[in-house]
């Protein structure tokens, strides 16, 4: 998991990280127009969690993948201006904005198949 500086559909992710053993649930979010950061008006999803195929197999006493999310709750969102609804940055250039980050956090939900 991390900031890969590439979107889920970029070759660097699709050809080098995702294969028969690893899947990227962030791809569906990105294809649906969601993102964790914005660059020149375009949503990007550089922050991704790549999971091994084991999280997609339903077996007793194992955690299985349920859903991928972007944590874009109001207190993390810019409340005003031309960047309204985008991540509320700590700094914009050298100017302190009072926010948290230029990226929304991402997470996955796992379910224990006990």
N, C-alpha and C. Protein backbone atom coordinates (compact mmCIF):
# COMPACT_ATOMS: atom_id res chain seq x y z
N UNK A 1 0.83 -1.17 0.00
CA UNK A 1 0.00 0.00 0.00
C UNK A 1 0.88 1.24 0.00
N UNK A 2 0.35 2.31 -0.55
CA UNK A 2 1.10 3.55 -0.54
C UNK A 2 0.73 4.47 -1.68
N UNK A 3 1.50 5.54 -1.79
CA UNK A 3 1.36 6.51 -2.85
C UNK A 3 2.30 6.07 -3.97
N UNK A 4 1.73 5.54 -5.04
CA UNK A 4 2.53 4.99 -6.14
C UNK A 4 2.87 6.04 -7.21
N UNK A 5 2.33 7.24 -7.08
CA UNK A 5 2.51 8.30 -8.07
C UNK A 5 2.04 7.89 -9.46
N UNK A 6 1.16 6.92 -9.52
CA UNK A 6 0.51 6.49 -10.75
C UNK A 6 -0.91 6.06 -10.41
N UNK A 7 -1.80 6.15 -11.38
CA UNK A 7 -3.18 5.73 -11.20
C UNK A 7 -3.32 4.22 -11.39
N UNK A 8 -4.41 3.64 -10.90
CA UNK A 8 -4.59 2.18 -10.99
C UNK A 8 -4.56 1.62 -12.40
N UNK A 9 -4.91 2.43 -13.41
CA UNK A 9 -4.92 1.92 -14.78
C UNK A 9 -3.61 2.18 -15.53
N UNK A 10 -2.63 2.77 -14.88
CA UNK A 10 -1.33 3.01 -15.53
C UNK A 10 -0.56 1.69 -15.69
N UNK A 11 0.25 1.64 -16.75
CA UNK A 11 1.04 0.43 -17.03
C UNK A 11 1.93 0.01 -15.86
N UNK A 12 2.48 0.98 -15.15
CA UNK A 12 3.38 0.66 -14.04
C UNK A 12 2.67 -0.18 -12.97
N UNK A 13 1.39 0.04 -12.80
CA UNK A 13 0.60 -0.73 -11.83
C UNK A 13 0.09 -2.01 -12.49
N UNK A 14 -0.56 -1.86 -13.64
CA UNK A 14 -1.21 -2.99 -14.32
C UNK A 14 -0.23 -4.07 -14.78
N UNK A 15 0.93 -3.68 -15.22
CA UNK A 15 1.87 -4.65 -15.79
C UNK A 15 2.94 -5.13 -14.81
N UNK A 16 3.15 -4.37 -13.71
CA UNK A 16 4.26 -4.71 -12.82
C UNK A 16 3.84 -5.06 -11.40
N UNK A 17 2.63 -4.68 -10.98
CA UNK A 17 2.19 -5.00 -9.62
C UNK A 17 0.99 -5.94 -9.60
N UNK A 18 0.09 -5.78 -10.54
CA UNK A 18 -1.12 -6.59 -10.59
C UNK A 18 -0.87 -7.77 -11.52
N UNK A 19 -1.16 -8.97 -11.02
CA UNK A 19 -0.98 -10.18 -11.82
C UNK A 19 -1.90 -11.26 -11.26
N UNK A 20 -1.63 -12.52 -11.56
CA UNK A 20 -2.51 -13.60 -11.09
C UNK A 20 -2.49 -13.74 -9.56
N UNK A 21 -1.47 -13.18 -8.90
CA UNK A 21 -1.37 -13.30 -7.44
C UNK A 21 -1.76 -12.03 -6.68
N UNK A 22 -1.82 -10.90 -7.36
CA UNK A 22 -2.11 -9.63 -6.70
C UNK A 22 -3.19 -8.86 -7.47
N UNK A 23 -4.15 -8.32 -6.72
CA UNK A 23 -5.25 -7.57 -7.31
C UNK A 23 -5.30 -6.17 -6.73
N UNK A 24 -5.89 -5.27 -7.51
CA UNK A 24 -5.97 -3.88 -7.10
C UNK A 24 -7.43 -3.42 -7.04
N UNK A 25 -8.04 -3.43 -5.86
CA UNK A 25 -9.44 -3.00 -5.75
C UNK A 25 -9.64 -1.51 -6.00
N UNK A 26 -8.57 -0.74 -6.05
CA UNK A 26 -8.67 0.70 -6.32
C UNK A 26 -9.05 0.98 -7.76
N UNK A 27 -8.82 0.04 -8.65
CA UNK A 27 -9.13 0.25 -10.06
C UNK A 27 -10.61 0.56 -10.27
N UNK A 28 -11.48 -0.16 -9.60
CA UNK A 28 -12.93 0.08 -9.74
C UNK A 28 -13.31 1.48 -9.26
N UNK A 29 -12.73 1.93 -8.14
CA UNK A 29 -12.99 3.29 -7.66
C UNK A 29 -12.58 4.32 -8.71
N UNK A 30 -11.40 4.13 -9.26
CA UNK A 30 -10.87 5.08 -10.24
C UNK A 30 -11.72 5.10 -11.51
N UNK A 31 -12.13 3.92 -11.97
CA UNK A 31 -12.97 3.85 -13.17
C UNK A 31 -14.33 4.53 -12.95
N UNK A 32 -14.76 4.62 -11.69
CA UNK A 32 -16.01 5.29 -11.35
C UNK A 32 -15.82 6.78 -11.09
N UNK A 33 -14.64 7.31 -11.43
CA UNK A 33 -14.39 8.74 -11.32
C UNK A 33 -13.97 9.23 -9.95
N UNK A 34 -13.65 8.32 -9.05
CA UNK A 34 -13.23 8.71 -7.72
C UNK A 34 -11.72 8.87 -7.64
N UNK A 35 -11.29 9.70 -6.71
CA UNK A 35 -9.87 9.92 -6.53
C UNK A 35 -9.56 10.37 -5.12
N UNK A 36 -8.28 10.33 -4.77
CA UNK A 36 -7.82 10.73 -3.45
C UNK A 36 -7.12 12.09 -3.47
N UNK A 37 -6.79 12.56 -4.67
CA UNK A 37 -6.16 13.88 -4.82
C UNK A 37 -6.56 14.44 -6.18
N UNK A 38 -6.41 15.74 -6.29
CA UNK A 38 -6.77 16.40 -7.55
C UNK A 38 -5.57 17.16 -8.08
N UNK A 39 -5.36 17.05 -9.39
CA UNK A 39 -4.24 17.72 -10.03
C UNK A 39 -4.78 18.37 -11.30
N UNK A 40 -4.72 19.71 -11.34
CA UNK A 40 -5.26 20.48 -12.46
C UNK A 40 -6.68 20.05 -12.82
N UNK A 41 -7.52 19.92 -11.80
CA UNK A 41 -8.93 19.61 -12.00
C UNK A 41 -9.24 18.16 -12.27
N UNK A 42 -8.25 17.29 -12.29
CA UNK A 42 -8.43 15.87 -12.59
C UNK A 42 -8.22 15.05 -11.31
N UNK A 43 -9.19 14.19 -10.98
CA UNK A 43 -9.02 13.31 -9.83
C UNK A 43 -7.99 12.25 -10.13
N UNK A 44 -7.09 12.03 -9.19
CA UNK A 44 -6.04 11.01 -9.28
C UNK A 44 -6.22 10.03 -8.12
N UNK A 45 -5.79 8.81 -8.33
CA UNK A 45 -5.85 7.81 -7.26
C UNK A 45 -4.49 7.13 -7.15
N UNK A 46 -3.52 7.93 -6.74
CA UNK A 46 -2.15 7.42 -6.56
C UNK A 46 -2.04 6.54 -5.33
N UNK A 47 -2.90 6.77 -4.34
CA UNK A 47 -2.87 6.02 -3.08
C UNK A 47 -3.69 4.74 -3.28
N UNK A 48 -3.02 3.60 -3.17
CA UNK A 48 -3.67 2.33 -3.48
C UNK A 48 -3.23 1.24 -2.50
N UNK A 49 -4.10 0.26 -2.38
CA UNK A 49 -3.81 -0.91 -1.56
C UNK A 49 -3.92 -2.13 -2.47
N UNK A 50 -2.80 -2.76 -2.72
CA UNK A 50 -2.75 -3.96 -3.57
C UNK A 50 -2.86 -5.17 -2.64
N UNK A 51 -3.77 -6.08 -2.96
CA UNK A 51 -4.00 -7.25 -2.10
C UNK A 51 -3.65 -8.55 -2.81
N UNK A 52 -3.17 -9.50 -2.03
CA UNK A 52 -2.90 -10.82 -2.61
C UNK A 52 -4.23 -11.52 -2.89
N UNK A 53 -4.19 -12.47 -3.80
CA UNK A 53 -5.41 -13.18 -4.21
C UNK A 53 -6.09 -13.88 -3.04
N UNK A 54 -5.33 -14.17 -1.98
CA UNK A 54 -5.91 -14.86 -0.83
C UNK A 54 -7.05 -14.08 -0.19
N UNK A 55 -7.01 -12.76 -0.29
CA UNK A 55 -8.07 -11.94 0.31
C UNK A 55 -9.37 -11.99 -0.50
N UNK A 56 -9.36 -12.63 -1.65
CA UNK A 56 -10.55 -12.73 -2.48
C UNK A 56 -11.12 -14.15 -2.47
N UNK A 57 -10.50 -15.05 -1.72
CA UNK A 57 -10.97 -16.43 -1.61
C UNK A 57 -11.74 -16.60 -0.31
N UNK A 58 -12.90 -17.16 -0.40
CA UNK A 58 -13.76 -17.32 0.77
C UNK A 58 -13.48 -18.68 1.43
N UNK A 59 -12.73 -18.63 2.52
CA UNK A 59 -12.41 -19.84 3.28
C UNK A 59 -12.60 -19.55 4.76
N UNK A 60 -12.98 -20.56 5.54
CA UNK A 60 -13.15 -20.35 6.98
C UNK A 60 -11.87 -19.86 7.64
N UNK A 61 -12.02 -19.02 8.65
CA UNK A 61 -10.91 -18.49 9.45
C UNK A 61 -9.92 -17.64 8.64
N UNK A 62 -10.41 -17.01 7.60
CA UNK A 62 -9.58 -16.11 6.80
C UNK A 62 -10.29 -14.77 6.64
N UNK A 63 -9.50 -13.74 6.48
CA UNK A 63 -10.06 -12.43 6.15
C UNK A 63 -10.27 -12.36 4.65
N UNK A 64 -11.42 -11.85 4.23
CA UNK A 64 -11.70 -11.69 2.81
C UNK A 64 -12.03 -10.23 2.51
N UNK A 65 -11.67 -9.81 1.33
CA UNK A 65 -11.92 -8.45 0.89
C UNK A 65 -13.41 -8.20 0.76
N UNK A 66 -13.84 -7.02 1.24
CA UNK A 66 -15.23 -6.61 1.10
C UNK A 66 -15.38 -5.41 0.17
N UNK A 67 -14.59 -4.34 0.46
CA UNK A 67 -14.76 -3.12 -0.32
C UNK A 67 -13.57 -2.18 -0.11
N UNK A 68 -13.25 -1.41 -1.14
CA UNK A 68 -12.23 -0.37 -1.06
C UNK A 68 -12.94 0.98 -0.91
N UNK A 69 -12.33 1.89 -0.15
CA UNK A 69 -12.94 3.20 0.10
C UNK A 69 -11.90 4.31 0.05
N UNK A 70 -12.41 5.51 -0.19
CA UNK A 70 -11.63 6.74 -0.04
C UNK A 70 -12.27 7.50 1.11
N UNK A 71 -11.49 7.84 2.11
CA UNK A 71 -11.99 8.51 3.31
C UNK A 71 -12.01 10.02 3.06
N UNK A 72 -13.11 10.50 2.46
CA UNK A 72 -13.23 11.91 2.10
C UNK A 72 -14.35 12.58 2.89
N UNK A 73 -14.25 12.46 4.20
CA UNK A 73 -15.25 13.04 5.10
C UNK A 73 -15.11 14.57 5.15
N UNK A 74 -16.16 15.28 5.56
CA UNK A 74 -16.14 16.75 5.51
C UNK A 74 -14.97 17.43 6.20
N UNK A 75 -14.52 16.95 7.36
CA UNK A 75 -13.44 17.66 8.04
C UNK A 75 -12.11 17.58 7.30
N UNK A 76 -11.97 16.66 6.35
CA UNK A 76 -10.76 16.55 5.53
C UNK A 76 -10.89 17.29 4.20
N UNK A 77 -12.06 17.87 3.97
CA UNK A 77 -12.38 18.48 2.69
C UNK A 77 -12.31 19.99 2.76
N UNK A 78 -11.74 20.61 1.74
CA UNK A 78 -11.66 22.07 1.68
C UNK A 78 -13.06 22.66 1.66
N UNK A 79 -13.36 23.56 2.60
CA UNK A 79 -14.72 24.08 2.71
C UNK A 79 -15.04 25.26 1.80
N UNK A 80 -14.05 25.80 1.08
CA UNK A 80 -14.32 27.04 0.34
C UNK A 80 -13.40 27.20 -0.88
N UNK A 81 -13.72 28.19 -1.68
CA UNK A 81 -12.87 28.59 -2.78
C UNK A 81 -12.92 27.66 -3.98
N UNK A 82 -11.98 27.88 -4.88
CA UNK A 82 -11.98 27.10 -6.12
C UNK A 82 -11.59 25.64 -5.90
N UNK A 83 -11.05 25.31 -4.73
CA UNK A 83 -10.69 23.92 -4.41
C UNK A 83 -11.68 23.29 -3.45
N UNK A 84 -12.88 23.86 -3.37
CA UNK A 84 -13.92 23.31 -2.50
C UNK A 84 -14.18 21.84 -2.87
N UNK A 85 -14.36 21.02 -1.85
CA UNK A 85 -14.61 19.57 -1.95
C UNK A 85 -13.36 18.75 -2.27
N UNK A 86 -12.23 19.38 -2.43
CA UNK A 86 -10.98 18.68 -2.63
C UNK A 86 -10.31 18.47 -1.26
N UNK A 87 -9.26 17.65 -1.20
CA UNK A 87 -8.55 17.50 0.08
C UNK A 87 -8.09 18.86 0.61
N UNK A 88 -8.27 19.06 1.91
CA UNK A 88 -7.92 20.32 2.57
C UNK A 88 -6.44 20.26 2.92
N UNK A 89 -5.63 20.95 2.15
CA UNK A 89 -4.17 20.93 2.27
C UNK A 89 -3.68 21.63 3.54
N UNK A 90 -2.55 21.20 4.02
CA UNK A 90 -1.87 21.90 5.12
C UNK A 90 -1.25 23.18 4.57
N UNK A 91 -0.56 23.05 3.44
CA UNK A 91 0.08 24.20 2.79
C UNK A 91 -0.33 24.23 1.32
N UNK A 92 -0.40 25.42 0.79
CA UNK A 92 -0.52 25.63 -0.64
C UNK A 92 0.66 26.52 -1.01
N UNK A 93 1.68 25.91 -1.57
CA UNK A 93 2.94 26.63 -1.76
C UNK A 93 3.54 26.93 -0.40
N UNK A 94 3.86 28.18 -0.13
CA UNK A 94 4.43 28.55 1.16
C UNK A 94 3.36 29.05 2.14
N UNK A 95 2.10 28.98 1.74
CA UNK A 95 1.01 29.53 2.56
C UNK A 95 0.30 28.44 3.34
N UNK A 96 0.26 28.62 4.65
CA UNK A 96 -0.40 27.67 5.55
C UNK A 96 -1.92 27.77 5.36
N UNK A 97 -2.56 26.64 5.14
CA UNK A 97 -4.00 26.59 4.92
C UNK A 97 -4.77 26.05 6.12
N UNK A 98 -4.09 25.29 6.96
CA UNK A 98 -4.74 24.74 8.14
C UNK A 98 -5.37 23.38 7.95
N UNK A 99 -5.18 22.77 6.79
CA UNK A 99 -5.77 21.46 6.52
C UNK A 99 -4.87 20.32 6.96
N UNK A 100 -5.09 19.16 6.36
CA UNK A 100 -4.42 17.94 6.79
C UNK A 100 -3.46 17.36 5.76
N UNK A 101 -3.89 17.30 4.50
CA UNK A 101 -3.07 16.66 3.48
C UNK A 101 -3.62 17.03 2.10
N UNK A 102 -2.82 16.83 1.07
CA UNK A 102 -3.32 17.03 -0.29
C UNK A 102 -3.89 15.73 -0.87
N UNK A 103 -3.96 14.68 -0.05
CA UNK A 103 -4.56 13.40 -0.44
C UNK A 103 -5.56 12.98 0.63
N UNK A 104 -6.68 12.39 0.18
CA UNK A 104 -7.57 11.73 1.13
C UNK A 104 -6.99 10.35 1.44
N UNK A 105 -7.17 9.87 2.67
CA UNK A 105 -6.73 8.50 2.98
C UNK A 105 -7.57 7.45 2.23
N UNK A 106 -6.98 6.31 2.01
CA UNK A 106 -7.69 5.18 1.40
C UNK A 106 -7.63 4.01 2.38
N UNK A 107 -8.63 3.13 2.28
CA UNK A 107 -8.65 1.95 3.14
C UNK A 107 -9.49 0.85 2.50
N UNK A 108 -9.33 -0.35 2.99
CA UNK A 108 -10.16 -1.47 2.55
C UNK A 108 -10.86 -2.08 3.76
N UNK A 109 -12.02 -2.65 3.51
CA UNK A 109 -12.73 -3.38 4.55
C UNK A 109 -12.53 -4.87 4.30
N UNK A 110 -12.15 -5.57 5.35
CA UNK A 110 -11.97 -7.02 5.30
C UNK A 110 -12.96 -7.66 6.26
N UNK A 111 -13.41 -8.85 5.95
CA UNK A 111 -14.35 -9.57 6.80
C UNK A 111 -13.74 -10.89 7.18
N UNK A 112 -13.87 -11.24 8.47
CA UNK A 112 -13.35 -12.52 8.95
C UNK A 112 -14.40 -13.60 8.68
N UNK A 113 -14.03 -14.60 7.92
CA UNK A 113 -14.92 -15.72 7.61
C UNK A 113 -14.76 -16.81 8.66
N UNK A 114 -15.14 -16.50 9.88
CA UNK A 114 -14.99 -17.47 10.98
C UNK A 114 -16.09 -18.48 10.97
